[in-house]
Amino acid sequence: MKFGIHSFKEAGFDIIALQDLATGTQVEIIPAFGALLHAFKVKRQQETINLIDSYQDLADLEANLRSSFKSVKLSPYACRIKDAKYTWEGSSLEIQKTIAPGNAIHGLLYDVPFAITAQQADDQQASVTLAHHFKATDDAGYPFAYDCVATFTLHAGNELQLSTTIINQSGSTIPVMDGWHPYFATGTPVDELELTFASKQIVEFNEKLLPTGNLLPYTEFTGGKLLKGVELDNSFILDQSKAQPLANIHDPKKNINIAFYPGNNYPILQIYIPPHRNSIAVENLSGAPDAFNNGLGLVQLAAGESRVFDTRIKISL
């Protein structure tokens, strides 16, 4: 077999790894914390390069997960909900799982365990499927049962497919917004990287990083742009009529490319550069921040209905 799957313990984590045995490429996932994408390691000659900025160990994760949310599954919403409140089918709801009173961000699953439900490796690929069954435990804010099923598939050519299936297990229609939150690092400061993405518009934010309701024309990165001095914590509407990849990070110093191929159910790209500027978050989202209130990209799933959200990340050296 050209692909394999390997489970091991390291730095306090139980890790499952997808391996391309021919090239040495390895994708590492931590099921116990929001199906966290822990590493995407590629080899160039004798050097191993990990392109994911993750947590050094369990203590680092426990101290910083709720401030950085690095590389976890964002569900059933991503980004912020204004004052942690929204109205759904005539009921006023308030999210209880917050990082501070009234500050709801990045969903309800970022720190929950996912169970491994399937794994498979052959000559074409290696994949693992993880599932979390949400039991409507945030009953004042999200009283809806649903399944979140995340499948990671490593293909040849350093290509990782991230596929999420949301299945409504409640008896009524539910609001859903799906996303990922991976942070990428090449070892080169962000100021020396080039970012390209095919956007049509930017979502105008207020001072609390919540949409104002305005979408403004925005094509600044369609031809690529050096990130030196650029501050970003913004949502962009992708131009999905353009040829894939719809986004790309290029490290001209090391000649590394990280290309993004979001499916049609991920029409929004969120880019965030943290203050340390050693990594960059590139988030594929199904809706805009505060989608539960503004409806921008909000998915409404009928009872028993499911929806698949799919993106691919490809590394070129």
Protein backbone atom coordinates (compact mmCIF):
# COMPACT_ATOMS: atom_id res chain seq x y z
CA MET A 1 0.00 0.00 0.00
CA LYS A 2 1.13 3.52 -0.81
CA PHE A 3 -0.86 5.11 2.04
CA GLY A 4 -1.11 4.26 5.72
CA ILE A 5 -2.68 5.27 9.04
CA HIS A 6 -0.73 5.47 12.28
CA SER A 7 -1.89 6.25 15.83
CA PHE A 8 0.51 7.46 18.51
CA LYS A 9 0.87 9.58 21.65
CA GLU A 10 2.96 12.76 21.69
CA ALA A 11 3.13 15.90 23.87
CA GLY A 12 0.10 14.72 25.87
CA PHE A 13 -2.05 14.18 22.77
CA ASP A 14 -3.56 11.04 21.23
CA ILE A 15 -2.91 11.58 17.52
CA ILE A 16 -4.08 9.77 14.41
CA ALA A 17 -1.92 10.34 11.33
CA LEU A 18 -2.61 9.86 7.63
CA GLN A 19 0.57 8.97 5.75
CA ASP A 20 1.73 9.01 2.14
CA LEU A 21 4.31 6.26 2.47
CA ALA A 22 5.92 7.10 -0.87
CA THR A 23 6.70 10.75 -0.07
CA GLY A 24 6.67 10.89 3.73
CA THR A 25 3.81 13.41 3.82
CA GLN A 26 1.87 13.14 7.08
CA VAL A 27 -1.37 14.75 8.30
CA GLU A 28 -1.98 14.59 12.06
CA ILE A 29 -5.37 14.97 13.76
CA ILE A 30 -6.26 15.22 17.46
CA PRO A 31 -9.78 13.79 17.87
CA ALA A 32 -10.13 14.75 21.56
CA PHE A 33 -10.31 18.51 20.91
CA GLY A 34 -12.68 19.54 18.14
CA ALA A 35 -11.16 17.17 15.52
CA LEU A 36 -8.13 19.47 15.51
CA LEU A 37 -5.86 19.50 12.44
CA HIS A 38 -2.55 19.30 14.30
CA ALA A 39 0.03 18.98 11.51
CA PHE A 40 0.46 18.84 7.74
CA LYS A 41 4.05 17.68 7.32
CA VAL A 42 5.76 17.52 3.94
CA LYS A 43 9.30 16.48 3.11
CA ARG A 44 11.82 18.26 0.91
CA GLN A 45 15.04 16.27 0.62
CA GLN A 46 16.00 15.56 4.24
CA GLU A 47 13.90 18.39 5.73
CA THR A 48 10.42 17.91 7.23
CA ILE A 49 8.25 21.05 7.11
CA ASN A 50 5.07 21.29 9.21
CA LEU A 51 2.77 23.87 7.65
CA ILE A 52 0.21 23.98 10.50
CA ASP A 53 0.74 26.31 13.45
CA SER A 54 -0.62 24.12 16.25
CA TYR A 55 -0.20 23.74 20.00
CA GLN A 56 3.17 22.65 21.36
CA ASP A 57 1.64 20.32 23.95
CA LEU A 58 -1.47 19.70 26.02
CA ALA A 59 -0.62 22.49 28.50
CA ASP A 60 -0.30 24.98 25.63
CA LEU A 61 -3.68 23.90 24.24
CA GLU A 62 -5.42 24.08 27.61
CA ALA A 63 -4.02 27.59 28.20
CA ASN A 64 -4.71 29.00 24.73
CA LEU A 65 -7.45 27.07 22.92
CA ARG A 66 -10.22 29.50 23.89
CA SER A 67 -8.25 32.52 22.71
CA SER A 68 -6.83 31.19 19.43
CA PHE A 69 -9.15 28.27 18.45
CA LYS A 70 -6.32 27.08 16.20
CA SER A 71 -7.27 24.50 13.58
CA VAL A 72 -10.45 23.20 15.23
CA LYS A 73 -13.87 22.43 13.78
CA LEU A 74 -16.23 25.43 13.94
CA SER A 75 -19.83 24.25 14.42
CA PRO A 76 -22.78 24.91 14.52
CA TYR A 77 -21.57 28.47 13.87
CA ALA A 78 -18.26 30.20 13.25
CA CYS A 79 -16.97 33.62 14.30
CA ARG A 80 -19.16 35.82 16.49
CA ILE A 81 -22.82 35.98 17.44
CA LYS A 82 -23.85 39.48 18.56
CA ASP A 83 -24.25 39.49 22.35
CA ALA A 84 -24.54 35.65 22.12
CA LYS A 85 -28.24 36.13 21.20
CA TYR A 86 -30.41 35.38 18.19
CA THR A 87 -34.03 34.65 17.34
CA TRP A 88 -35.08 31.40 15.70
CA GLU A 89 -38.65 30.57 14.64
CA GLY A 90 -40.07 33.06 17.12
CA SER A 91 -37.93 32.00 20.08
CA SER A 92 -35.25 34.19 21.66
CA LEU A 93 -32.12 32.13 22.29
CA GLU A 94 -28.89 32.94 24.11
CA ILE A 95 -25.72 30.85 23.76
CA GLN A 96 -24.49 29.70 27.17
CA LYS A 97 -21.09 28.35 26.06
CA THR A 98 -19.18 31.62 25.84
CA ILE A 99 -15.59 32.71 26.43
CA ALA A 100 -16.92 35.65 28.50
CA PRO A 101 -20.48 36.74 29.33
CA GLY A 102 -22.20 37.68 26.08
CA ASN A 103 -19.15 36.75 23.98
CA ALA A 104 -20.04 33.71 21.86
CA ILE A 105 -17.45 32.73 19.29
CA HIS A 106 -16.58 29.76 17.07
CA GLY A 107 -19.37 27.42 17.97
CA LEU A 108 -19.87 24.67 20.53
CA LEU A 109 -17.58 21.85 19.37
CA TYR A 110 -14.08 23.40 19.48
CA ASP A 111 -13.09 21.55 22.65
CA VAL A 112 -15.30 18.43 22.54
CA PRO A 113 -14.08 14.91 21.76
CA PHE A 114 -14.81 13.39 18.38
CA ALA A 115 -14.97 9.60 18.04
CA ILE A 116 -13.17 7.82 15.21
CA THR A 117 -15.91 6.03 13.26
CA ALA A 118 -14.01 4.88 10.15
CA GLN A 119 -10.50 4.71 8.74
CA GLN A 120 -9.21 3.37 5.47
CA ALA A 121 -5.93 3.34 3.50
CA ASP A 122 -5.05 1.93 0.07
CA ASP A 123 -2.88 2.81 -2.92
CA GLN A 124 -4.85 5.99 -3.69
CA GLN A 125 -5.49 7.66 -0.32
CA ALA A 126 -5.76 7.46 3.45
CA SER A 127 -8.84 8.74 5.26
CA VAL A 128 -10.25 8.93 8.75
CA THR A 129 -13.79 9.90 9.76
CA LEU A 130 -14.57 11.44 13.15
CA ALA A 131 -18.01 12.19 14.56
CA HIS A 132 -19.52 14.15 17.39
CA HIS A 133 -23.19 13.73 18.30
CA PHE A 134 -24.37 17.03 19.76
CA LYS A 135 -27.19 16.32 22.21
CA ALA A 136 -28.68 19.84 22.44
CA THR A 137 -26.64 20.44 25.60
CA ASP A 138 -26.69 24.24 25.20
CA ASP A 139 -30.44 24.15 25.71
CA ALA A 140 -30.91 27.90 26.17
CA GLY A 141 -28.81 28.80 23.13
CA TYR A 142 -28.78 25.86 20.71
CA PRO A 143 -31.47 23.34 21.74
CA PHE A 144 -31.01 21.22 18.62
CA ALA A 145 -29.55 17.74 18.31
CA TYR A 146 -27.29 17.17 15.30
CA ASP A 147 -24.34 15.10 14.11
CA CYS A 148 -21.07 16.66 12.95
CA VAL A 149 -19.07 14.18 10.89
CA ALA A 150 -15.60 15.28 9.74
CA THR A 151 -13.61 13.25 7.21
CA PHE A 152 -9.93 13.93 6.50
CA THR A 153 -8.57 12.36 3.31
CA LEU A 154 -4.93 12.55 2.23
CA HIS A 155 -4.44 12.14 -1.53
CA ALA A 156 -1.26 11.93 -3.58
CA GLY A 157 0.48 15.21 -4.36
CA ASN A 158 0.21 16.60 -0.80
CA GLU A 159 -3.52 17.19 -1.10
CA LEU A 160 -5.79 17.12 1.96
CA GLN A 161 -9.55 17.00 1.61
CA LEU A 162 -11.66 18.24 4.57
CA SER A 163 -15.28 17.16 4.32
CA THR A 164 -17.91 17.90 6.97
CA THR A 165 -21.41 16.42 6.99
CA ILE A 166 -23.98 18.02 9.28
CA ILE A 167 -27.05 15.86 9.96
CA ASN A 168 -30.09 17.35 11.67
CA GLN A 169 -31.21 14.89 14.37
CA SER A 170 -33.79 17.20 15.92
CA GLY A 171 -37.45 17.27 15.02
CA SER A 172 -37.43 20.75 13.51
CA THR A 173 -35.50 22.99 11.12
CA ILE A 174 -32.19 24.20 12.58
CA PRO A 175 -29.75 27.03 11.76
CA VAL A 176 -26.25 25.94 10.70
CA MET A 177 -23.01 27.68 9.76
CA ASP A 178 -19.93 25.56 9.21
CA GLY A 179 -16.24 26.30 9.07
CA TRP A 180 -12.62 25.39 9.76
CA HIS A 181 -9.97 27.46 11.56
CA PRO A 182 -6.51 26.29 10.41
CA TYR A 183 -3.45 28.44 11.02
CA PHE A 184 -0.66 28.07 8.47
CA ALA A 185 3.05 28.73 8.93
CA THR A 186 6.01 28.07 6.66
CA GLY A 187 8.68 29.22 9.14
CA THR A 188 8.94 32.50 7.23
CA PRO A 189 7.37 35.61 8.85
CA VAL A 190 3.95 36.49 7.43
CA ASP A 191 5.31 39.85 6.25
CA GLU A 192 7.38 37.97 3.65
CA LEU A 193 4.49 35.86 2.34
CA GLU A 194 2.24 36.59 -0.63
CA LEU A 195 -1.52 36.05 -0.43
CA THR A 196 -3.87 35.65 -3.39
CA PHE A 197 -7.64 35.09 -3.30
CA ALA A 198 -10.51 35.56 -5.73
CA SER A 199 -12.96 37.85 -3.93
CA LYS A 200 -15.86 39.92 -5.18
CA GLN A 201 -16.72 41.73 -1.96
CA ILE A 202 -15.64 42.35 1.61
CA VAL A 203 -18.12 42.09 4.49
CA GLU A 204 -18.09 45.48 6.22
CA PHE A 205 -17.51 45.09 9.96
CA ASN A 206 -18.18 47.41 12.89
CA GLU A 207 -15.68 47.94 15.71
CA LYS A 208 -16.79 44.64 17.32
CA LEU A 209 -15.99 42.71 14.11
CA LEU A 210 -19.68 42.16 13.41
CA PRO A 211 -21.18 42.75 9.93
CA THR A 212 -22.93 46.06 9.43
CA GLY A 213 -25.09 44.63 6.64
CA ASN A 214 -23.00 46.24 3.88
CA LEU A 215 -21.03 44.30 1.27
CA LEU A 216 -18.37 46.44 -0.40
CA PRO A 217 -16.54 45.73 -3.69
CA TYR A 218 -13.13 44.19 -2.98
CA THR A 219 -10.60 42.69 -5.38
CA GLU A 220 -7.34 43.77 -3.75
CA PHE A 221 -5.83 40.29 -3.53
CA THR A 222 -7.01 38.84 -6.85
CA GLY A 223 -3.56 39.37 -8.39
CA GLY A 224 -1.61 38.49 -5.25
CA LYS A 225 -0.13 40.82 -2.67
CA LEU A 226 2.77 40.86 -0.23
CA LEU A 227 1.49 40.82 3.36
CA LYS A 228 4.12 43.18 4.80
CA GLY A 229 2.30 45.56 7.14
CA VAL A 230 -1.14 44.26 6.14
CA GLU A 231 -3.65 43.78 8.99
CA LEU A 232 -6.44 41.30 8.30
CA ASP A 233 -9.34 39.98 10.36
CA ASN A 234 -11.99 40.09 7.67
CA SER A 235 -14.58 38.10 5.75
CA PHE A 236 -14.59 38.08 1.96
CA ILE A 237 -17.21 36.85 -0.51
CA LEU A 238 -15.39 34.54 -2.90
CA ASP A 239 -15.89 34.82 -6.64
CA GLN A 240 -16.74 31.18 -7.24
CA SER A 241 -16.93 31.72 -11.01
CA LYS A 242 -13.13 32.00 -11.05
CA ALA A 243 -10.84 29.02 -11.65
CA GLN A 244 -9.63 27.08 -8.61
CA PRO A 245 -7.63 27.43 -6.44
CA LEU A 246 -9.62 30.35 -5.03
CA ALA A 247 -6.90 31.23 -2.50
CA ASN A 248 -3.16 30.72 -2.25
CA ILE A 249 -0.34 31.44 0.20
CA HIS A 250 3.09 31.68 -1.43
CA ASP A 251 6.41 31.72 0.41
CA PRO A 252 8.87 33.10 -2.18
CA LYS A 253 11.80 32.55 0.17
CA LYS A 254 11.25 28.78 0.49
CA ASN A 255 9.21 28.36 -2.71
CA ILE A 256 6.25 26.83 -0.87
CA ASN A 257 2.66 27.15 -2.09
CA ILE A 258 -0.46 26.40 -0.03
CA ALA A 259 -3.50 26.38 -2.30
CA PHE A 260 -7.18 26.28 -1.25
CA TYR A 261 -10.01 24.70 -3.23
CA PRO A 262 -13.28 25.39 -1.35
CA GLY A 263 -16.49 23.78 -2.59
CA ASN A 264 -19.60 25.81 -3.37
CA ASN A 265 -20.91 25.40 0.18
CA TYR A 266 -17.97 27.48 1.45
CA PRO A 267 -18.60 30.84 -0.29
CA ILE A 268 -16.86 32.94 2.38
CA LEU A 269 -13.17 33.24 3.17
CA GLN A 270 -12.08 34.63 6.53
CA ILE A 271 -8.44 35.74 6.83
CA TYR A 272 -6.84 36.51 10.18
CA ILE A 273 -3.25 37.49 10.90
CA PRO A 274 -2.48 37.25 14.65
CA PRO A 275 -0.36 39.98 16.29
CA HIS A 276 2.78 37.80 16.41
CA ARG A 277 2.63 37.56 12.57
CA ASN A 278 4.28 34.14 12.44
CA SER A 279 1.22 32.38 11.03
CA ILE A 280 -1.99 33.17 9.17
CA ALA A 281 -5.48 31.72 9.59
CA VAL A 282 -7.27 30.92 6.33
CA GLU A 283 -10.82 29.89 7.15
CA ASN A 284 -13.35 28.40 4.75
CA LEU A 285 -16.82 29.36 6.00
CA SER A 286 -20.36 28.63 4.85
CA GLY A 287 -21.62 31.97 6.16
CA ALA A 288 -20.52 35.34 7.51
CA PRO A 289 -19.98 36.21 11.17
CA ASP A 290 -23.29 36.61 13.04
CA ALA A 291 -25.07 34.64 10.30
CA PHE A 292 -27.66 33.49 12.85
CA ASN A 293 -28.82 37.11 13.00
CA ASN A 294 -28.00 38.57 9.59
CA GLY A 295 -28.74 35.46 7.52
CA LEU A 296 -25.66 35.96 5.31
CA GLY A 297 -24.90 32.43 4.14
CA LEU A 298 -27.05 30.85 6.87
CA VAL A 299 -27.99 27.23 6.13
CA GLN A 300 -31.42 26.05 7.28
CA LEU A 301 -31.51 22.27 7.66
CA ALA A 302 -34.90 20.58 7.80
CA ALA A 303 -35.50 17.72 10.23
CA GLY A 304 -33.49 14.69 9.11
CA GLU A 305 -31.73 16.65 6.37
CA SER A 306 -27.95 16.67 5.90
CA ARG A 307 -25.49 18.98 4.16
CA VAL A 308 -21.88 18.45 3.10
CA PHE A 309 -19.24 21.20 3.33
CA ASP A 310 -16.04 20.45 1.49
CA THR A 311 -12.64 22.02 0.90
CA ARG A 312 -9.18 20.90 -0.23
CA ILE A 313 -5.71 22.13 0.69
CA LYS A 314 -2.79 21.34 -1.60
CA ILE A 315 0.88 21.89 -0.77
CA SER A 316 3.44 22.41 -3.53
CA LEU A 317 7.18 22.63 -2.94
